[in-house]
C-alpha atoms as a PDB file:
ATOM      1  CA  MET A   1       0.000   0.000   0.000  1.00  0.00           C
ATOM      2  CA  THR A   2       1.187   3.498  -0.857  1.00  0.00           C
ATOM      3  CA  ALA A   3      -0.006   6.827   0.513  1.00  0.00           C
ATOM      4  CA  ILE A   4      -1.484   8.994  -2.230  1.00  0.00           C
ATOM      5  CA  ALA A   5       0.944  11.858  -1.566  1.00  0.00           C
ATOM      6  CA  ASN A   6       3.886   9.469  -2.100  1.00  0.00           C
ATOM      7  CA  HIS A   7       2.494   7.715  -5.173  1.00  0.00           C
ATOM      8  CA  PRO A   8       4.165   8.481  -8.536  1.00  0.00           C
ATOM      9  CA  GLN A   9       0.691   8.793 -10.136  1.00  0.00           C
ATOM     10  CA  ARG A  10      -0.802  10.858  -7.317  1.00  0.00           C
ATOM     11  CA  ASN A  11      -2.369  13.450  -9.625  1.00  0.00           C
ATOM     12  CA  THR A  12      -4.194  10.743 -11.592  1.00  0.00           C
ATOM     13  CA  LEU A  13      -5.292   9.082  -8.364  1.00  0.00           C
ATOM     14  CA  ARG A  14      -6.713  12.339  -7.058  1.00  0.00           C
ATOM     15  CA  MET A  15      -8.693  12.802 -10.261  1.00  0.00           C
ATOM     16  CA  GLN A  16     -10.039   9.252 -10.039  1.00  0.00           C
ATOM     17  CA  LEU A  17     -11.065   9.726  -6.414  1.00  0.00           C
ATOM     18  CA  ARG A  18     -12.930  12.899  -7.289  1.00  0.00           C
ATOM     19  CA  GLU A  19     -14.957  10.931  -9.826  1.00  0.00           C
ATOM     20  CA  ASN A  20     -16.156   8.550  -7.113  1.00  0.00           C
ATOM     21  CA  LEU A  21     -19.930   8.796  -6.777  1.00  0.00           C
ATOM     22  CA  LEU A  22     -19.749   9.006  -2.998  1.00  0.00           C
ATOM     23  CA  LEU A  23     -16.775  11.364  -2.653  1.00  0.00           C
ATOM     24  CA  ARG A  24     -17.231  13.788  -5.531  1.00  0.00           C
ATOM     25  CA  ASP A  25     -19.329  16.305  -3.560  1.00  0.00           C
ATOM     26  CA  MET A  26     -16.918  16.644  -0.653  1.00  0.00           C
ATOM     27  CA  THR A  27     -15.512  20.044   0.235  1.00  0.00           C
ATOM     28  CA  PRO A  28     -11.805  20.959  -0.103  1.00  0.00           C
ATOM     29  CA  VAL A  29     -11.460  20.781   3.682  1.00  0.00           C
ATOM     30  CA  GLN A  30     -12.939  17.276   3.722  1.00  0.00           C
ATOM     31  CA  TRP A  31     -10.618  16.190   0.905  1.00  0.00           C
ATOM     32  CA  GLN A  32      -7.646  17.586   2.786  1.00  0.00           C
ATOM     33  CA  GLU A  33      -8.573  15.549   5.827  1.00  0.00           C
ATOM     34  CA  LEU A  34      -9.474  12.310   4.028  1.00  0.00           C
ATOM     35  CA  GLU A  35      -6.542  11.989   1.627  1.00  0.00           C
ATOM     36  CA  PRO A  36      -3.865  11.271   4.294  1.00  0.00           C
ATOM     37  CA  LEU A  37      -6.043   8.438   5.605  1.00  0.00           C
ATOM     38  CA  LEU A  38      -6.151   6.680   2.225  1.00  0.00           C
ATOM     39  CA  ALA A  39      -3.658   4.198   0.847  1.00  0.00           C
ATOM     40  CA  VAL A  40      -3.587   2.820  -2.696  1.00  0.00           C
ATOM     41  CA  SER A  41      -3.226  -0.919  -3.313  1.00  0.00           C
ATOM     42  CA  GLU A  42      -2.868  -2.999  -6.470  1.00  0.00           C
ATOM     43  CA  TYR A  43      -4.568  -6.391  -6.780  1.00  0.00           C
ATOM     44  CA  ARG A  44      -4.229  -9.107  -9.392  1.00  0.00           C
ATOM     45  CA  LYS A  45      -7.230 -10.945 -10.810  1.00  0.00           C
ATOM     46  CA  GLY A  46      -8.519 -13.308  -8.130  1.00  0.00           C
ATOM     47  CA  ASP A  47      -6.819 -11.548  -5.213  1.00  0.00           C
ATOM     48  CA  PRO A  48      -9.009 -10.953  -2.151  1.00  0.00           C
ATOM     49  CA  LEU A  49      -9.372  -7.392  -0.900  1.00  0.00           C
ATOM     50  CA  ALA A  50     -11.281  -8.709   2.106  1.00  0.00           C
ATOM     51  CA  ARG A  51     -11.968 -12.262   3.239  1.00  0.00           C
ATOM     52  CA  GLN A  52     -15.204 -13.703   4.559  1.00  0.00           C
ATOM     53  CA  GLY A  53     -14.842 -14.022   8.340  1.00  0.00           C
ATOM     54  CA  ASP A  54     -12.265 -11.234   8.703  1.00  0.00           C
ATOM     55  CA  GLU A  55     -12.620  -8.998  11.736  1.00  0.00           C
ATOM     56  CA  GLU A  56     -10.242  -6.286  10.529  1.00  0.00           C
ATOM     57  CA  MET A  57     -12.196  -4.185   8.056  1.00  0.00           C
ATOM     58  CA  GLU A  58     -11.538  -1.490   5.493  1.00  0.00           C
ATOM     59  CA  GLN A  59     -13.481   0.837   3.248  1.00  0.00           C
ATOM     60  CA  PHE A  60     -12.669   0.445  -0.479  1.00  0.00           C
ATOM     61  CA  PHE A  61     -12.997   2.899  -3.364  1.00  0.00           C
ATOM     62  CA  VAL A  62     -12.441   1.268  -6.771  1.00  0.00           C
ATOM     63  CA  LEU A  63     -10.143   3.412  -8.931  1.00  0.00           C
ATOM     64  CA  GLU A  64      -9.476   0.947 -11.755  1.00  0.00           C
ATOM     65  CA  GLY A  65     -10.889  -2.488 -12.562  1.00  0.00           C
ATOM     66  CA  MET A  66     -13.733  -4.456 -11.035  1.00  0.00           C
ATOM     67  CA  VAL A  67     -14.404  -6.323  -7.789  1.00  0.00           C
ATOM     68  CA  LYS A  68     -17.094  -8.771  -6.742  1.00  0.00           C
ATOM     69  CA  ARG A  69     -18.758  -9.419  -3.403  1.00  0.00           C
ATOM     70  CA  VAL A  70     -19.032 -13.181  -2.904  1.00  0.00           C
ATOM     71  CA  VAL A  71     -20.115 -15.614  -0.184  1.00  0.00           C
ATOM     72  CA  SER A  72     -19.057 -19.238   0.098  1.00  0.00           C
ATOM     73  CA  ASN A  73     -20.086 -22.200   2.221  1.00  0.00           C
ATOM     74  CA  PRO A  74     -17.771 -24.775   3.874  1.00  0.00           C
ATOM     75  CA  GLU A  75     -18.070 -27.001   0.775  1.00  0.00           C
ATOM     76  CA  GLY A  76     -16.635 -24.233  -1.372  1.00  0.00           C
ATOM     77  CA  HIS A  77     -19.805 -23.334  -3.272  1.00  0.00           C
ATOM     78  CA  GLU A  78     -19.851 -19.623  -4.063  1.00  0.00           C
ATOM     79  CA  MET A  79     -22.550 -17.066  -4.751  1.00  0.00           C
ATOM     80  CA  ILE A  80     -21.703 -13.683  -6.277  1.00  0.00           C
ATOM     81  CA  LEU A  81     -23.766 -10.920  -4.693  1.00  0.00           C
ATOM     82  CA  ARG A  82     -22.708  -7.852  -6.683  1.00  0.00           C
ATOM     83  CA  PHE A  83     -20.014  -6.242  -8.808  1.00  0.00           C
ATOM     84  CA  ALA A  84     -18.412  -2.818  -8.386  1.00  0.00           C
ATOM     85  CA  ALA A  85     -16.187  -0.955 -10.839  1.00  0.00           C
ATOM     86  CA  GLU A  86     -14.627   2.494 -11.246  1.00  0.00           C
ATOM     87  CA  THR A  87     -16.392   5.356  -9.406  1.00  0.00           C
ATOM     88  CA  GLU A  88     -17.996   2.806  -7.039  1.00  0.00           C
ATOM     89  CA  MET A  89     -17.099   1.455  -3.620  1.00  0.00           C
ATOM     90  CA  ASP A  90     -17.445  -1.621  -1.465  1.00  0.00           C
ATOM     91  CA  THR A  91     -17.499  -1.830   2.281  1.00  0.00           C
ATOM     92  CA  SER A  92     -17.944  -3.940   5.403  1.00  0.00           C
ATOM     93  CA  TYR A  93     -19.559  -1.039   7.259  1.00  0.00           C
ATOM     94  CA  ALA A  94     -22.687  -2.957   8.310  1.00  0.00           C
ATOM     95  CA  ALA A  95     -20.586  -5.735   9.843  1.00  0.00           C
ATOM     96  CA  TRP A  96     -18.498  -3.112  11.638  1.00  0.00           C
ATOM     97  CA  ARG A  97     -21.599  -1.514  13.127  1.00  0.00           C
ATOM     98  CA  LEU A  98     -23.038  -4.908  14.106  1.00  0.00           C
ATOM     99  CA  ARG A  99     -19.660  -5.999  15.561  1.00  0.00           C
ATOM    100  CA  THR A 100     -19.672  -9.191  13.492  1.00  0.00           C
ATOM    101  CA  PRO A 101     -17.065 -10.674  11.117  1.00  0.00           C
ATOM    102  CA  ILE A 102     -17.354  -9.772   7.430  1.00  0.00           C
ATOM    103  CA  PRO A 103     -20.079 -12.059   5.993  1.00  0.00           C
ATOM    104  CA  TYR A 104     -18.613 -12.065   2.453  1.00  0.00           C
ATOM    105  CA  SER A 105     -15.343 -11.705   0.568  1.00  0.00           C
ATOM    106  CA  ILE A 106     -14.447  -8.857  -1.779  1.00  0.00           C
ATOM    107  CA  VAL A 107     -12.375 -10.226  -4.670  1.00  0.00           C
ATOM    108  CA  ALA A 108     -10.710  -8.699  -7.730  1.00  0.00           C
ATOM    109  CA  VAL A 109     -12.473  -9.775 -10.951  1.00  0.00           C
ATOM    110  CA  THR A 110      -9.809  -8.026 -13.053  1.00  0.00           C
ATOM    111  CA  ARG A 111      -6.613  -6.240 -12.150  1.00  0.00           C
ATOM    112  CA  VAL A 112      -7.726  -3.701  -9.573  1.00  0.00           C
ATOM    113  CA  ARG A 113      -6.383  -0.491  -8.111  1.00  0.00           C
ATOM    114  CA  ALA A 114      -8.246   0.619  -4.998  1.00  0.00           C
ATOM    115  CA  ALA A 115      -7.967   3.368  -2.421  1.00  0.00           C
ATOM    116  CA  GLU A 116      -8.686   2.073   1.044  1.00  0.00           C
ATOM    117  CA  VAL A 117      -8.934   3.293   4.603  1.00  0.00           C
ATOM    118  CA  PRO A 118      -9.205   1.226   7.821  1.00  0.00           C
ATOM    119  CA  MET A 119     -12.793   1.152   9.005  1.00  0.00           C
ATOM    120  CA  PRO A 120     -12.107   2.778  12.412  1.00  0.00           C
ATOM    121  CA  GLN A 121     -10.560   5.805  10.698  1.00  0.00           C
ATOM    122  CA  TRP A 122     -13.335   5.958   8.095  1.00  0.00           C
ATOM    123  CA  VAL A 123     -16.008   5.891  10.814  1.00  0.00           C
ATOM    124  CA  GLU A 124     -14.228   8.652  12.725  1.00  0.00           C
ATOM    125  CA  PHE A 125     -14.105  10.731   9.540  1.00  0.00           C
ATOM    126  CA  LEU A 126     -17.829  10.146   8.932  1.00  0.00           C
ATOM    127  CA  ASP A 127     -18.688  11.143  12.481  1.00  0.00           C
ATOM    128  CA  ARG A 128     -16.994  14.507  11.915  1.00  0.00           C
ATOM    129  CA  TYR A 129     -18.980  15.171   8.734  1.00  0.00           C
ATOM    130  CA  PRO A 130     -22.668  14.232   9.142  1.00  0.00           C
ATOM    131  CA  GLU A 131     -23.570  15.136   5.539  1.00  0.00           C
ATOM    132  CA  VAL A 132     -20.945  12.704   4.180  1.00  0.00           C
ATOM    133  CA  LYS A 133     -22.093  10.075   6.665  1.00  0.00           C
ATOM    134  CA  LEU A 134     -25.699  10.518   5.520  1.00  0.00           C
ATOM    135  CA  ARG A 135     -24.744  10.027   1.854  1.00  0.00           C
ATOM    136  CA  PHE A 136     -22.577   7.045   2.714  1.00  0.00           C
ATOM    137  CA  GLU A 137     -25.185   5.273   4.842  1.00  0.00           C
ATOM    138  CA  HIS A 138     -27.754   5.875   2.092  1.00  0.00           C
ATOM    139  CA  GLU A 139     -25.368   4.231  -0.377  1.00  0.00           C
ATOM    140  CA  VAL A 140     -24.853   1.272   1.982  1.00  0.00           C
ATOM    141  CA  MET A 141     -28.615   0.798   2.183  1.00  0.00           C
ATOM    142  CA  LYS A 142     -28.829   0.914  -1.626  1.00  0.00           C
ATOM    143  CA  LEU A 143     -26.152  -1.778  -1.869  1.00  0.00           C
ATOM    144  CA  MET A 144     -27.967  -3.982   0.627  1.00  0.00           C
ATOM    145  CA  SER A 145     -31.224  -3.511  -1.305  1.00  0.00           C
ATOM    146  CA  GLU A 146     -29.414  -4.341  -4.563  1.00  0.00           C
ATOM    147  CA  VAL A 147     -28.076  -7.597  -3.105  1.00  0.00           C
ATOM    148  CA  MET A 148     -31.519  -8.522  -1.775  1.00  0.00           C
ATOM    149  CA  ALA A 149     -33.164  -7.786  -5.129  1.00  0.00           C
ATOM    150  CA  HIS A 150     -30.564  -9.916  -6.920  1.00  0.00           C
ATOM    151  CA  THR A 151     -31.138 -12.830  -4.540  1.00  0.00           C
ATOM    152  CA  ILE A 152     -34.896 -12.625  -5.089  1.00  0.00           C
ATOM    153  CA  THR A 153     -34.332 -12.461  -8.857  1.00  0.00           C
ATOM    154  CA  LEU A 154     -32.474 -15.772  -8.800  1.00  0.00           C
ATOM    155  CA  HIS A 155     -35.560 -17.426  -7.302  1.00  0.00           C
ATOM    156  CA  LEU A 156     -38.328 -15.689  -9.214  1.00  0.00           C
ATOM    157  CA  LEU A 157     -37.041 -15.157 -12.770  1.00  0.00           C
ATOM    158  CA  ASP A 158     -36.154 -17.737 -15.392  1.00  0.00           C
ATOM    159  CA  ALA A 159     -32.744 -17.687 -17.072  1.00  0.00           C
ATOM    160  CA  PRO A 160     -33.676 -15.263 -19.920  1.00  0.00           C
ATOM    161  CA  GLY A 161     -35.353 -12.980 -17.398  1.00  0.00           C
ATOM    162  CA  ARG A 162     -32.244 -12.925 -15.186  1.00  0.00           C
ATOM    163  CA  LEU A 163     -30.000 -11.984 -18.111  1.00  0.00           C
ATOM    164  CA  SER A 164     -32.404  -9.318 -19.380  1.00  0.00           C
ATOM    165  CA  ARG A 165     -32.691  -7.794 -15.925  1.00  0.00           C
ATOM    166  CA  PHE A 166     -28.911  -7.651 -15.585  1.00  0.00           C
ATOM    167  CA  HIS A 167     -28.537  -5.775 -18.882  1.00  0.00           C
ATOM    168  CA  ARG A 168     -31.331  -3.417 -17.894  1.00  0.00           C
ATOM    169  CA  LYS A 169     -29.972  -2.699 -14.413  1.00  0.00           C
ATOM    170  CA  HIS A 170     -26.236  -2.721 -15.191  1.00  0.00           C
ATOM    171  CA  PRO A 171     -25.656  -1.613 -18.800  1.00  0.00           C
ATOM    172  CA  GLU A 172     -22.322  -0.082 -17.779  1.00  0.00           C
ATOM    173  CA  LEU A 173     -21.005  -3.544 -16.865  1.00  0.00           C
ATOM    174  CA  ALA A 174     -22.307  -5.394 -19.906  1.00  0.00           C
ATOM    175  CA  GLY A 175     -19.379  -6.739 -21.900  1.00  0.00           C
ATOM    176  CA  ARG A 176     -16.871  -6.109 -19.114  1.00  0.00           C
ATOM    177  CA  ILE A 177     -17.586  -9.046 -16.808  1.00  0.00           C
ATOM    178  CA  PRO A 178     -15.888 -12.322 -17.818  1.00  0.00           C
ATOM    179  CA  LYS A 179     -18.413 -14.897 -19.016  1.00  0.00           C
ATOM    180  CA  LYS A 180     -17.618 -17.331 -16.218  1.00  0.00           C
ATOM    181  CA  GLU A 181     -18.174 -14.635 -13.576  1.00  0.00           C
ATOM    182  CA  LEU A 182     -21.420 -13.395 -15.124  1.00  0.00           C
ATOM    183  CA  ALA A 183     -22.735 -16.950 -15.445  1.00  0.00           C
ATOM    184  CA  ALA A 184     -22.004 -17.577 -11.759  1.00  0.00           C
ATOM    185  CA  TYR A 185     -23.723 -14.318 -10.810  1.00  0.00           C
ATOM    186  CA  LEU A 186     -26.841 -15.336 -12.754  1.00  0.00           C
ATOM    187  CA  ASN A 187     -26.668 -18.939 -11.481  1.00  0.00           C
ATOM    188  CA  LEU A 188     -26.169 -20.310 -15.006  1.00  0.00           C
ATOM    189  CA  THR A 189     -23.578 -22.470 -16.697  1.00  0.00           C
ATOM    190  CA  PRO A 190     -21.283 -20.605 -19.116  1.00  0.00           C
ATOM    191  CA  GLU A 191     -22.748 -22.690 -21.943  1.00  0.00           C
ATOM    192  CA  THR A 192     -26.314 -21.679 -21.059  1.00  0.00           C
ATOM    193  CA  LEU A 193     -25.249 -18.037 -20.847  1.00  0.00           C
ATOM    194  CA  SER A 194     -23.676 -18.223 -24.314  1.00  0.00           C
ATOM    195  CA  ARG A 195     -26.852 -19.716 -25.796  1.00  0.00           C
ATOM    196  CA  LEU A 196     -29.003 -17.048 -24.143  1.00  0.00           C
ATOM    197  CA  LYS A 197     -26.778 -14.255 -25.404  1.00  0.00           C
ATOM    198  CA  GLN A 198     -27.008 -15.601 -28.947  1.00  0.00           C
ATOM    199  CA  LYS A 199     -30.794 -15.951 -28.670  1.00  0.00           C
ATOM    200  CA  LEU A 200     -31.265 -12.457 -27.234  1.00  0.00           C
ATOM    201  CA  GLY A 201     -28.670 -10.884 -29.536  1.00  0.00           C
ATOM    202  CA  ARG A 202     -26.454  -9.787 -26.656  1.00  0.00           C
ATOM    203  CA  ALA A 203     -22.767  -9.064 -27.086  1.00  0.00           C
END
């Protein structure tokens, strides 16, 4: 991990952070206080940013690439809950507030560059700026609702309906997610996903 001020691409990193949907409306004073708390890390495809069961938690802002939130059972079966790419974030904030271990892993789908801050420092920052905390907690609730809606979709919609809903809800990710990952997210085999894409005329 590298502090932003010490990073050779610090100007690019600052621009990317200011494009983040959660952070972009912060004031110069808030930026000045938050930046020293952030460190930038590089992850290879398949690397975990956070592991299911961890008790040490961090807040992540995706600068480049894509991550997935995934849960697994003792037998190794996995379920992908959501994806996040540039301008988005992922977090274990709810687990922090509930004082429970992280109930899922956050894993790099592609090569990823992320800015991260330890959860205790992030919470302290939020407590100093109620308007940022309000936006953040609203975003956390949206993420939780998104995961719930996806889980319901897997039970209520057939395979074509699941794929159509994904393209409707996440057009910005269409074509970026590897076929194997998207098939797992939709609870399909890669072969079934390929047939559906051909039938529906999807790229």
